[in-house]
């Protein structure tokens, strides 16, 4: 059961986001829905798969970096695991246990350079993310597709495969939502059209989501 303190801290993160970026107030409801989807994914021991192109590919990597290690909070592993490591590997085990941090599993699909080039060359460039969703995706996982236009074919195909496999689908895009809006369970559409304006607002949104999830799972 979520404590009142966690709820207040999560609400505070959203309040701060709205104060700093008042134009994103129209996105708050969808941000909350996305938070709920991601929380359900992690409650069920699932993972998040992320895909995007260009600057959005960098955003995928950025999000993984915030989820897979400490972001704003410390995430020490359980003392029982530290003890097991120390008992098994002595000084080295103690060192490992001291540095390991709890994680929220996330995979950036843009990182697999050899696989991506093979799919592009042997199959089709538009299938680079869809093929990975097929391979990695398990029912209950979430696929987060980032596209400033909402019309990137390779991202759209990945989300369509996710939908058929029973995965959760979330889009992060611009004002119209593009084609992503028709396939995603939730689409966060920032109220801008130009790529750089859209990307500049994506960052505070996913930072807020990562901070909210960290509050949920790692606040003492």
N, C-alpha and C. Protein backbone atom coordinates (compact mmCIF):
# COMPACT_ATOMS: atom_id res chain seq x y z
N UNK A 1 0.84 -1.19 0.00
CA UNK A 1 0.00 0.00 0.00
C UNK A 1 0.88 1.25 0.00
N UNK A 2 0.55 2.22 -0.84
CA UNK A 2 1.35 3.43 -0.95
C UNK A 2 1.07 4.35 0.23
N UNK A 3 2.12 4.85 0.87
CA UNK A 3 1.94 5.73 2.02
C UNK A 3 1.51 7.12 1.58
N UNK A 4 0.89 7.84 2.52
CA UNK A 4 0.48 9.23 2.23
C UNK A 4 1.69 10.09 1.93
N UNK A 5 2.83 9.79 2.57
CA UNK A 5 4.04 10.57 2.33
C UNK A 5 4.51 10.43 0.90
N UNK A 6 4.48 9.21 0.36
CA UNK A 6 4.89 8.99 -1.03
C UNK A 6 3.95 9.74 -1.97
N UNK A 7 2.66 9.65 -1.72
CA UNK A 7 1.69 10.35 -2.56
C UNK A 7 1.95 11.84 -2.56
N UNK A 8 2.24 12.40 -1.40
CA UNK A 8 2.51 13.84 -1.30
C UNK A 8 3.79 14.20 -2.05
N UNK A 9 4.81 13.36 -1.96
CA UNK A 9 6.07 13.65 -2.65
C UNK A 9 5.90 13.55 -4.16
N UNK A 10 5.13 12.57 -4.60
CA UNK A 10 4.84 12.43 -6.04
C UNK A 10 4.06 13.64 -6.53
N UNK A 11 3.06 14.05 -5.76
CA UNK A 11 2.28 15.24 -6.13
C UNK A 11 3.16 16.48 -6.17
N UNK A 12 4.13 16.54 -5.27
CA UNK A 12 5.04 17.68 -5.24
C UNK A 12 5.90 17.74 -6.49
N UNK A 13 6.33 16.59 -6.98
CA UNK A 13 7.13 16.54 -8.21
C UNK A 13 6.32 17.07 -9.39
N UNK A 14 5.07 16.67 -9.48
CA UNK A 14 4.20 17.16 -10.56
C UNK A 14 3.92 18.65 -10.40
N UNK A 15 3.74 19.09 -9.17
CA UNK A 15 3.50 20.51 -8.91
C UNK A 15 4.70 21.34 -9.33
N UNK A 16 5.90 20.86 -9.02
CA UNK A 16 7.12 21.57 -9.41
C UNK A 16 7.29 21.59 -10.92
N UNK A 17 6.93 20.48 -11.58
CA UNK A 17 7.00 20.43 -13.04
C UNK A 17 6.08 21.49 -13.64
N UNK A 18 4.87 21.59 -13.12
CA UNK A 18 3.91 22.56 -13.64
C UNK A 18 4.35 23.99 -13.38
N UNK A 19 4.97 24.22 -12.23
CA UNK A 19 5.46 25.56 -11.91
C UNK A 19 6.58 26.00 -12.86
N UNK A 20 7.47 25.08 -13.15
CA UNK A 20 8.61 25.40 -14.02
C UNK A 20 8.21 25.45 -15.49
N UNK A 21 7.26 24.61 -15.87
CA UNK A 21 6.82 24.52 -17.26
C UNK A 21 5.30 24.59 -17.31
N UNK A 22 4.72 25.76 -17.09
CA UNK A 22 3.25 25.88 -17.04
C UNK A 22 2.55 25.40 -18.30
N UNK A 23 3.26 25.46 -19.44
CA UNK A 23 2.65 25.01 -20.68
C UNK A 23 2.40 23.50 -20.69
N UNK A 24 3.05 22.77 -19.74
CA UNK A 24 2.86 21.32 -19.67
C UNK A 24 1.70 20.91 -18.78
N UNK A 25 0.97 21.88 -18.27
CA UNK A 25 -0.17 21.56 -17.40
C UNK A 25 -1.18 20.67 -18.11
N UNK A 26 -1.32 20.84 -19.44
CA UNK A 26 -2.27 20.02 -20.18
C UNK A 26 -1.81 18.56 -20.30
N UNK A 27 -0.55 18.30 -19.95
CA UNK A 27 0.00 16.94 -20.03
C UNK A 27 -0.07 16.19 -18.71
N UNK A 28 -0.42 16.87 -17.63
CA UNK A 28 -0.31 16.28 -16.30
C UNK A 28 -1.15 15.01 -16.14
N UNK A 29 -2.33 15.01 -16.69
CA UNK A 29 -3.19 13.83 -16.57
C UNK A 29 -2.55 12.62 -17.25
N UNK A 30 -1.99 12.83 -18.44
CA UNK A 30 -1.35 11.72 -19.15
C UNK A 30 -0.04 11.30 -18.49
N UNK A 31 0.66 12.25 -17.87
CA UNK A 31 1.87 11.91 -17.11
C UNK A 31 1.49 11.02 -15.93
N UNK A 32 0.40 11.37 -15.24
CA UNK A 32 -0.08 10.55 -14.13
C UNK A 32 -0.46 9.15 -14.60
N UNK A 33 -1.13 9.06 -15.75
CA UNK A 33 -1.51 7.76 -16.29
C UNK A 33 -0.28 6.93 -16.64
N UNK A 34 0.72 7.59 -17.22
CA UNK A 34 1.97 6.90 -17.56
C UNK A 34 2.66 6.38 -16.31
N UNK A 35 2.69 7.20 -15.29
CA UNK A 35 3.26 6.78 -14.00
C UNK A 35 2.55 5.53 -13.49
N UNK A 36 1.23 5.51 -13.61
CA UNK A 36 0.47 4.34 -13.17
C UNK A 36 0.82 3.09 -13.96
N UNK A 37 0.99 3.24 -15.27
CA UNK A 37 1.37 2.10 -16.12
C UNK A 37 2.76 1.59 -15.75
N UNK A 38 3.70 2.50 -15.58
CA UNK A 38 5.06 2.10 -15.24
C UNK A 38 5.12 1.46 -13.86
N UNK A 39 4.37 2.00 -12.93
CA UNK A 39 4.32 1.43 -11.59
C UNK A 39 3.75 0.02 -11.63
N UNK A 40 2.70 -0.18 -12.40
CA UNK A 40 2.12 -1.52 -12.53
C UNK A 40 3.13 -2.49 -13.15
N UNK A 41 3.86 -2.01 -14.14
CA UNK A 41 4.89 -2.83 -14.77
C UNK A 41 5.91 -3.29 -13.74
N UNK A 42 6.41 -2.37 -12.94
CA UNK A 42 7.44 -2.73 -11.97
C UNK A 42 6.88 -3.52 -10.79
N UNK A 43 5.64 -3.28 -10.43
CA UNK A 43 5.01 -4.09 -9.38
C UNK A 43 4.91 -5.55 -9.79
N UNK A 44 4.77 -5.76 -11.10
CA UNK A 44 4.64 -7.12 -11.63
C UNK A 44 5.97 -7.68 -12.11
N UNK A 45 7.07 -7.05 -11.68
CA UNK A 45 8.43 -7.51 -12.00
C UNK A 45 8.73 -7.45 -13.49
N UNK A 46 8.12 -6.50 -14.19
CA UNK A 46 8.37 -6.32 -15.61
C UNK A 46 9.49 -5.34 -15.87
N UNK A 47 9.61 -4.95 -17.13
CA UNK A 47 10.67 -4.03 -17.55
C UNK A 47 10.12 -3.04 -18.55
N UNK A 48 10.89 -2.01 -18.82
CA UNK A 48 10.51 -1.00 -19.80
C UNK A 48 11.47 -1.07 -20.98
N UNK A 49 10.93 -1.10 -22.18
CA UNK A 49 11.71 -1.07 -23.41
C UNK A 49 11.48 0.28 -24.07
N UNK A 50 12.57 0.93 -24.50
CA UNK A 50 12.47 2.28 -25.03
C UNK A 50 13.04 2.38 -26.43
N UNK A 51 12.37 3.17 -27.29
CA UNK A 51 12.88 3.35 -28.64
C UNK A 51 12.58 4.76 -29.16
N UNK A 52 13.46 5.24 -30.03
CA UNK A 52 13.32 6.56 -30.64
C UNK A 52 14.48 6.79 -31.58
N UNK A 53 14.42 7.87 -32.33
CA UNK A 53 15.45 8.18 -33.32
C UNK A 53 16.13 9.53 -33.02
N UNK A 54 17.41 9.64 -33.38
CA UNK A 54 18.11 10.91 -33.23
C UNK A 54 18.15 11.38 -31.79
N UNK A 55 17.68 12.59 -31.55
CA UNK A 55 17.64 13.12 -30.19
C UNK A 55 16.77 12.28 -29.28
N UNK A 56 15.72 11.70 -29.82
CA UNK A 56 14.85 10.83 -29.02
C UNK A 56 15.56 9.54 -28.64
N UNK A 57 16.49 9.09 -29.48
CA UNK A 57 17.31 7.93 -29.13
C UNK A 57 18.18 8.26 -27.91
N UNK A 58 18.73 9.47 -27.91
CA UNK A 58 19.51 9.91 -26.76
C UNK A 58 18.64 9.97 -25.50
N UNK A 59 17.40 10.40 -25.67
CA UNK A 59 16.48 10.43 -24.53
C UNK A 59 16.24 9.03 -23.97
N UNK A 60 16.15 8.04 -24.86
CA UNK A 60 15.99 6.65 -24.40
C UNK A 60 17.15 6.24 -23.51
N UNK A 61 18.36 6.55 -23.96
CA UNK A 61 19.55 6.23 -23.17
C UNK A 61 19.53 6.97 -21.83
N UNK A 62 19.11 8.22 -21.88
CA UNK A 62 19.06 9.06 -20.68
C UNK A 62 18.10 8.45 -19.65
N UNK A 63 16.93 8.07 -20.10
CA UNK A 63 15.94 7.50 -19.19
C UNK A 63 16.45 6.21 -18.56
N UNK A 64 17.07 5.36 -19.36
CA UNK A 64 17.64 4.12 -18.82
C UNK A 64 18.67 4.42 -17.73
N UNK A 65 19.47 5.46 -17.96
CA UNK A 65 20.47 5.85 -16.97
C UNK A 65 19.86 6.26 -15.65
N UNK A 66 18.68 6.89 -15.69
CA UNK A 66 18.03 7.32 -14.45
C UNK A 66 17.34 6.17 -13.73
N UNK A 67 16.85 5.19 -14.50
CA UNK A 67 16.10 4.08 -13.91
C UNK A 67 16.98 2.97 -13.36
N UNK A 68 18.11 2.74 -14.02
CA UNK A 68 18.92 1.56 -13.70
C UNK A 68 19.92 1.78 -12.56
N UNK A 69 20.00 3.00 -12.06
CA UNK A 69 20.87 3.30 -10.91
C UNK A 69 20.26 4.47 -10.16
N UNK A 70 20.90 4.90 -9.09
CA UNK A 70 20.39 6.02 -8.33
C UNK A 70 20.27 7.27 -9.18
N UNK A 71 19.16 7.98 -9.03
CA UNK A 71 18.91 9.23 -9.74
C UNK A 71 18.97 10.38 -8.74
N UNK A 72 17.95 10.57 -7.95
CA UNK A 72 17.94 11.60 -6.91
C UNK A 72 18.10 11.01 -5.52
N UNK A 73 17.88 9.71 -5.39
CA UNK A 73 17.93 9.05 -4.09
C UNK A 73 19.01 7.97 -4.07
N UNK A 74 19.47 7.64 -2.87
CA UNK A 74 20.36 6.49 -2.70
C UNK A 74 19.53 5.21 -2.83
N UNK A 75 20.12 4.18 -3.41
CA UNK A 75 19.40 2.92 -3.58
C UNK A 75 20.25 1.74 -3.12
N UNK A 76 20.67 1.69 -1.88
CA UNK A 76 21.52 0.58 -1.44
C UNK A 76 20.77 -0.75 -1.54
N UNK A 77 21.51 -1.80 -1.85
CA UNK A 77 20.91 -3.13 -1.92
C UNK A 77 20.62 -3.62 -0.50
N UNK A 78 19.83 -4.68 -0.40
CA UNK A 78 19.45 -5.22 0.89
C UNK A 78 20.68 -5.75 1.64
N UNK A 79 20.63 -5.63 2.95
CA UNK A 79 21.75 -6.10 3.77
C UNK A 79 21.97 -7.60 3.60
N UNK A 80 20.91 -8.34 3.37
CA UNK A 80 21.05 -9.80 3.20
C UNK A 80 21.90 -10.13 1.98
N UNK A 81 21.72 -9.36 0.89
CA UNK A 81 22.53 -9.59 -0.31
C UNK A 81 23.97 -9.16 -0.07
N UNK A 82 24.15 -8.07 0.64
CA UNK A 82 25.51 -7.63 0.97
C UNK A 82 26.23 -8.71 1.76
N UNK A 83 25.53 -9.30 2.72
CA UNK A 83 26.12 -10.35 3.55
C UNK A 83 26.50 -11.57 2.71
N UNK A 84 25.62 -11.97 1.80
CA UNK A 84 25.91 -13.12 0.93
C UNK A 84 27.14 -12.86 0.07
N UNK A 85 27.23 -11.66 -0.48
CA UNK A 85 28.39 -11.31 -1.29
C UNK A 85 29.67 -11.34 -0.46
N UNK A 86 29.61 -10.81 0.74
CA UNK A 86 30.79 -10.77 1.61
C UNK A 86 31.19 -12.17 2.05
N UNK A 87 30.20 -12.99 2.37
CA UNK A 87 30.50 -14.37 2.80
C UNK A 87 31.11 -15.18 1.67
N UNK A 88 30.68 -14.92 0.45
CA UNK A 88 31.14 -15.69 -0.71
C UNK A 88 32.48 -15.20 -1.24
N UNK A 89 32.68 -13.88 -1.22
CA UNK A 89 33.85 -13.31 -1.89
C UNK A 89 34.67 -12.35 -1.02
N UNK A 90 34.42 -12.39 0.28
CA UNK A 90 35.23 -11.65 1.25
C UNK A 90 35.34 -10.16 0.91
N UNK A 91 36.58 -9.66 0.80
CA UNK A 91 36.81 -8.22 0.59
C UNK A 91 36.18 -7.74 -0.71
N UNK A 92 36.32 -8.54 -1.76
CA UNK A 92 35.74 -8.15 -3.05
C UNK A 92 34.21 -8.12 -2.96
N UNK A 93 33.64 -9.09 -2.25
CA UNK A 93 32.20 -9.12 -2.07
C UNK A 93 31.71 -7.92 -1.30
N UNK A 94 32.48 -7.49 -0.30
CA UNK A 94 32.11 -6.30 0.47
C UNK A 94 32.14 -5.06 -0.41
N UNK A 95 33.15 -4.98 -1.28
CA UNK A 95 33.28 -3.84 -2.20
C UNK A 95 32.10 -3.81 -3.18
N UNK A 96 31.77 -4.97 -3.74
CA UNK A 96 30.66 -5.04 -4.68
C UNK A 96 29.36 -4.64 -4.00
N UNK A 97 29.13 -5.19 -2.82
CA UNK A 97 27.90 -4.89 -2.09
C UNK A 97 27.77 -3.43 -1.72
N UNK A 98 28.89 -2.79 -1.46
CA UNK A 98 28.88 -1.37 -1.12
C UNK A 98 28.47 -0.51 -2.31
N UNK A 99 28.87 -0.92 -3.50
CA UNK A 99 28.65 -0.08 -4.69
C UNK A 99 27.38 -0.41 -5.48
N UNK A 100 26.87 -1.64 -5.35
CA UNK A 100 25.67 -1.98 -6.09
C UNK A 100 24.49 -1.13 -5.65
N UNK A 101 23.61 -0.81 -6.61
CA UNK A 101 22.41 -0.04 -6.32
C UNK A 101 21.19 -0.77 -6.87
N UNK A 102 20.07 -0.64 -6.20
CA UNK A 102 18.83 -1.21 -6.70
C UNK A 102 18.44 -0.52 -8.00
N UNK A 103 17.77 -1.27 -8.88
CA UNK A 103 17.46 -0.76 -10.22
C UNK A 103 16.01 -1.02 -10.58
N UNK A 104 15.52 -0.21 -11.51
CA UNK A 104 14.25 -0.45 -12.18
C UNK A 104 14.60 -0.88 -13.60
N UNK A 105 14.37 -2.16 -13.97
CA UNK A 105 14.86 -2.69 -15.24
C UNK A 105 14.34 -1.93 -16.45
N UNK A 106 15.26 -1.50 -17.30
CA UNK A 106 14.92 -0.77 -18.52
C UNK A 106 15.97 -1.06 -19.58
N UNK A 107 15.54 -1.22 -20.82
CA UNK A 107 16.44 -1.51 -21.94
C UNK A 107 16.20 -0.50 -23.05
N UNK A 108 17.27 0.17 -23.47
CA UNK A 108 17.19 1.07 -24.61
C UNK A 108 17.41 0.25 -25.89
N UNK A 109 16.42 0.21 -26.74
CA UNK A 109 16.52 -0.58 -27.97
C UNK A 109 17.40 0.08 -29.02
N UNK A 110 17.85 1.29 -28.76
CA UNK A 110 18.71 1.98 -29.72
C UNK A 110 20.17 1.59 -29.56
N UNK A 111 20.49 0.83 -28.51
CA UNK A 111 21.89 0.57 -28.16
C UNK A 111 22.52 -0.62 -28.89
N UNK A 112 21.69 -1.46 -29.49
CA UNK A 112 22.19 -2.71 -30.05
C UNK A 112 22.71 -2.50 -31.48
N UNK A 113 23.89 -1.90 -31.61
CA UNK A 113 24.36 -1.43 -32.92
C UNK A 113 24.54 -2.55 -33.94
N UNK A 114 25.12 -3.66 -33.54
CA UNK A 114 25.33 -4.77 -34.49
C UNK A 114 23.99 -5.35 -34.94
N UNK A 115 23.10 -5.55 -33.99
CA UNK A 115 21.78 -6.09 -34.31
C UNK A 115 21.00 -5.12 -35.19
N UNK A 116 21.02 -3.84 -34.85
CA UNK A 116 20.29 -2.84 -35.63
C UNK A 116 20.80 -2.79 -37.07
N UNK A 117 22.12 -2.81 -37.23
CA UNK A 117 22.67 -2.76 -38.59
C UNK A 117 22.33 -4.03 -39.37
N UNK A 118 22.29 -5.17 -38.68
CA UNK A 118 21.94 -6.43 -39.35
C UNK A 118 20.47 -6.42 -39.79
N UNK A 119 19.59 -5.95 -38.91
CA UNK A 119 18.18 -5.88 -39.28
C UNK A 119 17.98 -4.90 -40.43
N UNK A 120 18.65 -3.76 -40.36
CA UNK A 120 18.53 -2.74 -41.41
C UNK A 120 18.99 -3.28 -42.75
N UNK A 121 20.10 -4.00 -42.74
CA UNK A 121 20.70 -4.51 -43.98
C UNK A 121 19.97 -5.74 -44.52
N UNK A 122 19.60 -6.63 -43.62
CA UNK A 122 19.06 -7.92 -44.06
C UNK A 122 17.53 -7.95 -44.17
N UNK A 123 16.87 -7.07 -43.43
CA UNK A 123 15.41 -7.11 -43.38
C UNK A 123 14.83 -5.77 -43.84
N UNK A 124 14.79 -4.81 -42.92
CA UNK A 124 14.26 -3.48 -43.23
C UNK A 124 14.61 -2.53 -42.09
N UNK A 125 15.05 -1.31 -42.39
CA UNK A 125 15.36 -0.35 -41.32
C UNK A 125 14.16 -0.06 -40.42
N UNK A 126 12.97 -0.17 -40.96
CA UNK A 126 11.77 0.12 -40.16
C UNK A 126 11.47 -0.95 -39.12
N UNK A 127 12.21 -2.06 -39.16
CA UNK A 127 11.94 -3.17 -38.24
C UNK A 127 12.94 -3.24 -37.08
N UNK A 128 13.84 -2.26 -36.97
CA UNK A 128 14.92 -2.38 -35.97
C UNK A 128 14.42 -2.45 -34.53
N UNK A 129 13.32 -1.80 -34.23
CA UNK A 129 12.78 -1.84 -32.87
C UNK A 129 11.72 -2.92 -32.71
N UNK A 130 10.91 -3.13 -33.74
CA UNK A 130 9.86 -4.14 -33.67
C UNK A 130 10.45 -5.53 -33.41
N UNK A 131 11.57 -5.85 -34.08
CA UNK A 131 12.20 -7.15 -33.89
C UNK A 131 12.65 -7.34 -32.44
N UNK A 132 13.16 -6.29 -31.85
CA UNK A 132 13.62 -6.38 -30.46
C UNK A 132 12.45 -6.50 -29.48
N UNK A 133 11.37 -5.80 -29.77
CA UNK A 133 10.18 -5.93 -28.92
C UNK A 133 9.68 -7.37 -28.94
N UNK A 134 9.69 -7.98 -30.12
CA UNK A 134 9.30 -9.38 -30.23
C UNK A 134 10.19 -10.28 -29.39
N UNK A 135 11.49 -9.99 -29.40
CA UNK A 135 12.45 -10.85 -28.69
C UNK A 135 12.46 -10.62 -27.18
N UNK A 136 12.43 -9.36 -26.77
CA UNK A 136 12.56 -9.03 -25.35
C UNK A 136 11.23 -8.97 -24.61
N UNK A 137 10.17 -8.62 -25.33
CA UNK A 137 8.92 -8.28 -24.67
C UNK A 137 8.21 -9.47 -24.04
N UNK A 138 7.74 -9.27 -22.83
CA UNK A 138 6.94 -10.24 -22.10
C UNK A 138 5.68 -9.53 -21.64
N UNK A 139 4.56 -10.21 -21.68
CA UNK A 139 3.30 -9.59 -21.30
C UNK A 139 3.44 -8.91 -19.94
N UNK A 140 3.01 -7.67 -19.87
CA UNK A 140 3.15 -6.88 -18.64
C UNK A 140 4.25 -5.86 -18.75
N UNK A 141 5.21 -6.06 -19.66
CA UNK A 141 6.24 -5.06 -19.91
C UNK A 141 5.61 -3.82 -20.55
N UNK A 142 6.36 -2.73 -20.55
CA UNK A 142 5.91 -1.50 -21.19
C UNK A 142 6.90 -1.08 -22.27
N UNK A 143 6.39 -0.71 -23.43
CA UNK A 143 7.21 -0.12 -24.48
C UNK A 143 6.93 1.37 -24.52
N UNK A 144 7.98 2.16 -24.36
CA UNK A 144 7.88 3.62 -24.43
C UNK A 144 8.51 4.08 -25.73
N UNK A 145 7.68 4.60 -26.63
CA UNK A 145 8.16 5.09 -27.91
C UNK A 145 8.22 6.61 -27.91
N UNK A 146 9.37 7.16 -28.30
CA UNK A 146 9.55 8.61 -28.32
C UNK A 146 9.70 9.06 -29.77
N UNK A 147 8.84 9.98 -30.18
CA UNK A 147 8.88 10.51 -31.54
C UNK A 147 8.31 11.92 -31.51
N UNK A 148 9.08 12.91 -31.93
CA UNK A 148 8.59 14.29 -31.86
C UNK A 148 7.40 14.51 -32.79
N UNK A 149 7.36 13.79 -33.90
CA UNK A 149 6.24 13.92 -34.84
C UNK A 149 5.11 12.96 -34.51
N UNK A 150 5.46 11.85 -33.86
CA UNK A 150 4.49 10.79 -33.62
C UNK A 150 4.29 9.88 -34.82
N UNK A 151 5.12 10.06 -35.84
CA UNK A 151 4.93 9.30 -37.08
C UNK A 151 6.14 8.47 -37.50
N UNK A 152 7.14 8.33 -36.64
CA UNK A 152 8.32 7.54 -36.99
C UNK A 152 7.92 6.08 -37.18
N UNK A 153 8.14 5.56 -38.39
CA UNK A 153 7.66 4.22 -38.73
C UNK A 153 8.26 3.15 -37.83
N UNK A 154 9.56 3.24 -37.58
CA UNK A 154 10.18 2.16 -36.79
C UNK A 154 9.66 2.15 -35.35
N UNK A 155 9.35 3.33 -34.81
CA UNK A 155 8.77 3.41 -33.47
C UNK A 155 7.33 2.92 -33.49
N UNK A 156 6.58 3.34 -34.50
CA UNK A 156 5.18 2.93 -34.63
C UNK A 156 5.07 1.41 -34.75
N UNK A 157 5.93 0.80 -35.57
CA UNK A 157 5.86 -0.65 -35.75
C UNK A 157 6.19 -1.38 -34.44
N UNK A 158 7.13 -0.85 -33.69
CA UNK A 158 7.47 -1.46 -32.40
C UNK A 158 6.27 -1.44 -31.45
N UNK A 159 5.55 -0.32 -31.44
CA UNK A 159 4.40 -0.20 -30.57
C UNK A 159 3.25 -1.09 -31.04
N UNK A 160 3.13 -1.26 -32.35
CA UNK A 160 2.09 -2.14 -32.87
C UNK A 160 2.35 -3.60 -32.50
N UNK A 161 3.61 -4.01 -32.59
CA UNK A 161 3.98 -5.36 -32.16
C UNK A 161 3.72 -5.51 -30.67
N UNK A 162 4.09 -4.51 -29.89
CA UNK A 162 3.86 -4.55 -28.44
C UNK A 162 2.39 -4.72 -28.13
N UNK A 163 1.56 -4.00 -28.85
CA UNK A 163 0.11 -4.07 -28.62
C UNK A 163 -0.41 -5.48 -28.85
N UNK A 164 0.02 -6.10 -29.93
CA UNK A 164 -0.43 -7.46 -30.26
C UNK A 164 0.06 -8.47 -29.23
N UNK A 165 1.25 -8.23 -28.68
CA UNK A 165 1.83 -9.15 -27.69
C UNK A 165 1.25 -8.94 -26.29
N UNK A 166 0.43 -7.93 -26.12
CA UNK A 166 -0.17 -7.68 -24.81
C UNK A 166 0.68 -6.84 -23.90
N UNK A 167 1.65 -6.11 -24.46
CA UNK A 167 2.48 -5.21 -23.67
C UNK A 167 1.78 -3.87 -23.52
N UNK A 168 2.16 -3.11 -22.50
CA UNK A 168 1.67 -1.75 -22.34
C UNK A 168 2.39 -0.84 -23.33
N UNK A 169 1.71 0.18 -23.82
CA UNK A 169 2.31 1.07 -24.80
C UNK A 169 2.12 2.52 -24.40
N UNK A 170 3.23 3.26 -24.40
CA UNK A 170 3.22 4.67 -24.04
C UNK A 170 3.96 5.45 -25.12
N UNK A 171 3.40 6.58 -25.54
CA UNK A 171 4.05 7.45 -26.50
C UNK A 171 4.41 8.78 -25.88
N UNK A 172 5.55 9.31 -26.28
CA UNK A 172 5.98 10.65 -25.86
C UNK A 172 6.26 11.42 -27.14
N UNK A 173 5.45 12.45 -27.41
CA UNK A 173 5.49 13.07 -28.73
C UNK A 173 5.12 14.54 -28.68
N UNK A 174 4.78 15.10 -29.86
CA UNK A 174 4.44 16.51 -29.97
C UNK A 174 2.94 16.76 -29.95
N UNK A 175 2.55 17.95 -30.38
CA UNK A 175 1.19 18.44 -30.17
C UNK A 175 0.10 17.55 -30.76
N UNK A 176 0.30 17.02 -31.96
CA UNK A 176 -0.77 16.26 -32.61
C UNK A 176 -0.84 14.81 -32.16
N UNK A 177 0.27 14.29 -31.67
CA UNK A 177 0.32 12.87 -31.30
C UNK A 177 0.63 11.96 -32.46
N UNK A 178 0.36 12.42 -33.68
CA UNK A 178 0.65 11.62 -34.87
C UNK A 178 0.01 10.26 -34.82
N UNK A 179 0.61 9.31 -35.50
CA UNK A 179 0.08 7.94 -35.55
C UNK A 179 0.21 7.21 -34.22
N UNK A 180 1.18 7.64 -33.38
CA UNK A 180 1.37 6.98 -32.09
C UNK A 180 0.11 7.07 -31.24
N UNK A 181 -0.61 8.16 -31.38
CA UNK A 181 -1.78 8.38 -30.53
C UNK A 181 -2.84 7.31 -30.74
N UNK A 182 -2.87 6.72 -31.93
CA UNK A 182 -3.89 5.71 -32.24
C UNK A 182 -3.54 4.33 -31.71
N UNK A 183 -2.28 4.11 -31.34
CA UNK A 183 -1.86 2.77 -30.94
C UNK A 183 -1.46 2.68 -29.46
N UNK A 184 -1.17 3.82 -28.84
CA UNK A 184 -0.67 3.80 -27.46
C UNK A 184 -1.80 3.81 -26.43
N UNK A 185 -1.55 3.15 -25.32
CA UNK A 185 -2.49 3.21 -24.20
C UNK A 185 -2.56 4.64 -23.65
N UNK A 186 -1.41 5.28 -23.60
CA UNK A 186 -1.33 6.69 -23.18
C UNK A 186 -0.32 7.39 -24.09
N UNK A 187 -0.66 8.59 -24.52
CA UNK A 187 0.28 9.39 -25.31
C UNK A 187 0.42 10.76 -24.66
N UNK A 188 1.64 11.09 -24.27
CA UNK A 188 1.92 12.41 -23.71
C UNK A 188 2.31 13.32 -24.86
N UNK A 189 1.45 14.28 -25.17
CA UNK A 189 1.65 15.18 -26.31
C UNK A 189 1.99 16.58 -25.81
N UNK A 190 3.25 16.96 -25.91
CA UNK A 190 3.61 18.31 -25.48
C UNK A 190 3.11 19.31 -26.53
N UNK A 191 2.68 20.49 -26.10
CA UNK A 191 1.98 21.42 -27.01
C UNK A 191 2.91 22.22 -27.91
N UNK A 192 3.75 21.52 -28.65
CA UNK A 192 4.66 22.17 -29.59
C UNK A 192 4.76 21.32 -30.85
N UNK A 193 5.23 21.95 -31.93
CA UNK A 193 5.34 21.27 -33.21
C UNK A 193 6.78 21.12 -33.69
N UNK A 194 7.62 22.12 -33.45
CA UNK A 194 9.01 22.06 -33.91
C UNK A 194 9.82 21.09 -33.05
N UNK A 195 10.67 20.33 -33.71
CA UNK A 195 11.41 19.25 -33.05
C UNK A 195 12.14 19.71 -31.80
N UNK A 196 12.91 20.82 -31.90
CA UNK A 196 13.69 21.23 -30.74
C UNK A 196 12.80 21.65 -29.58
N UNK A 197 11.65 22.27 -29.87
CA UNK A 197 10.73 22.68 -28.80
C UNK A 197 10.12 21.46 -28.12
N UNK A 198 9.78 20.46 -28.92
CA UNK A 198 9.20 19.22 -28.37
C UNK A 198 10.23 18.51 -27.49
N UNK A 199 11.44 18.37 -28.00
CA UNK A 199 12.48 17.66 -27.25
C UNK A 199 12.84 18.37 -25.95
N UNK A 200 12.82 19.70 -25.96
CA UNK A 200 13.13 20.44 -24.75
C UNK A 200 12.11 20.19 -23.64
N UNK A 201 10.87 19.87 -24.02
CA UNK A 201 9.84 19.58 -23.01
C UNK A 201 9.76 18.10 -22.66
N UNK A 202 10.30 17.25 -23.51
CA UNK A 202 10.32 15.84 -23.16
C UNK A 202 11.20 15.58 -21.95
N UNK A 203 12.33 16.25 -21.89
CA UNK A 203 13.29 15.99 -20.80
C UNK A 203 12.68 16.21 -19.42
N UNK A 204 12.07 17.36 -19.12
CA UNK A 204 11.50 17.52 -17.78
C UNK A 204 10.38 16.54 -17.48
N UNK A 205 9.67 16.08 -18.52
CA UNK A 205 8.61 15.10 -18.30
C UNK A 205 9.19 13.76 -17.86
N UNK A 206 10.20 13.28 -18.59
CA UNK A 206 10.73 11.97 -18.18
C UNK A 206 11.57 12.06 -16.92
N UNK A 207 12.17 13.21 -16.65
CA UNK A 207 12.83 13.38 -15.36
C UNK A 207 11.81 13.28 -14.22
N UNK A 208 10.66 13.91 -14.41
CA UNK A 208 9.61 13.85 -13.39
C UNK A 208 9.14 12.41 -13.18
N UNK A 209 8.92 11.69 -14.27
CA UNK A 209 8.49 10.29 -14.16
C UNK A 209 9.51 9.44 -13.43
N UNK A 210 10.79 9.63 -13.76
CA UNK A 210 11.85 8.86 -13.08
C UNK A 210 11.91 9.21 -11.60
N UNK A 211 11.75 10.48 -11.28
CA UNK A 211 11.76 10.91 -9.88
C UNK A 211 10.56 10.33 -9.13
N UNK A 212 9.40 10.31 -9.77
CA UNK A 212 8.20 9.75 -9.14
C UNK A 212 8.36 8.26 -8.86
N UNK A 213 8.92 7.54 -9.82
CA UNK A 213 9.14 6.10 -9.62
C UNK A 213 10.17 5.85 -8.53
N UNK A 214 11.17 6.68 -8.47
CA UNK A 214 12.19 6.52 -7.43
C UNK A 214 11.59 6.75 -6.06
N UNK A 215 10.71 7.73 -5.94
CA UNK A 215 10.01 7.98 -4.67
C UNK A 215 9.17 6.76 -4.28
N UNK A 216 8.56 6.16 -5.28
CA UNK A 216 7.67 5.01 -5.04
C UNK A 216 8.44 3.82 -4.48
N UNK A 217 9.63 3.56 -5.04
CA UNK A 217 10.31 2.31 -4.72
C UNK A 217 11.53 2.43 -3.80
N UNK A 218 12.10 3.61 -3.69
CA UNK A 218 13.38 3.68 -2.98
C UNK A 218 13.44 4.71 -1.87
N UNK A 219 12.34 5.41 -1.60
CA UNK A 219 12.34 6.36 -0.48
C UNK A 219 12.32 5.58 0.82
N UNK A 220 13.26 5.84 1.72
CA UNK A 220 13.29 5.10 3.00
C UNK A 220 12.01 5.29 3.82
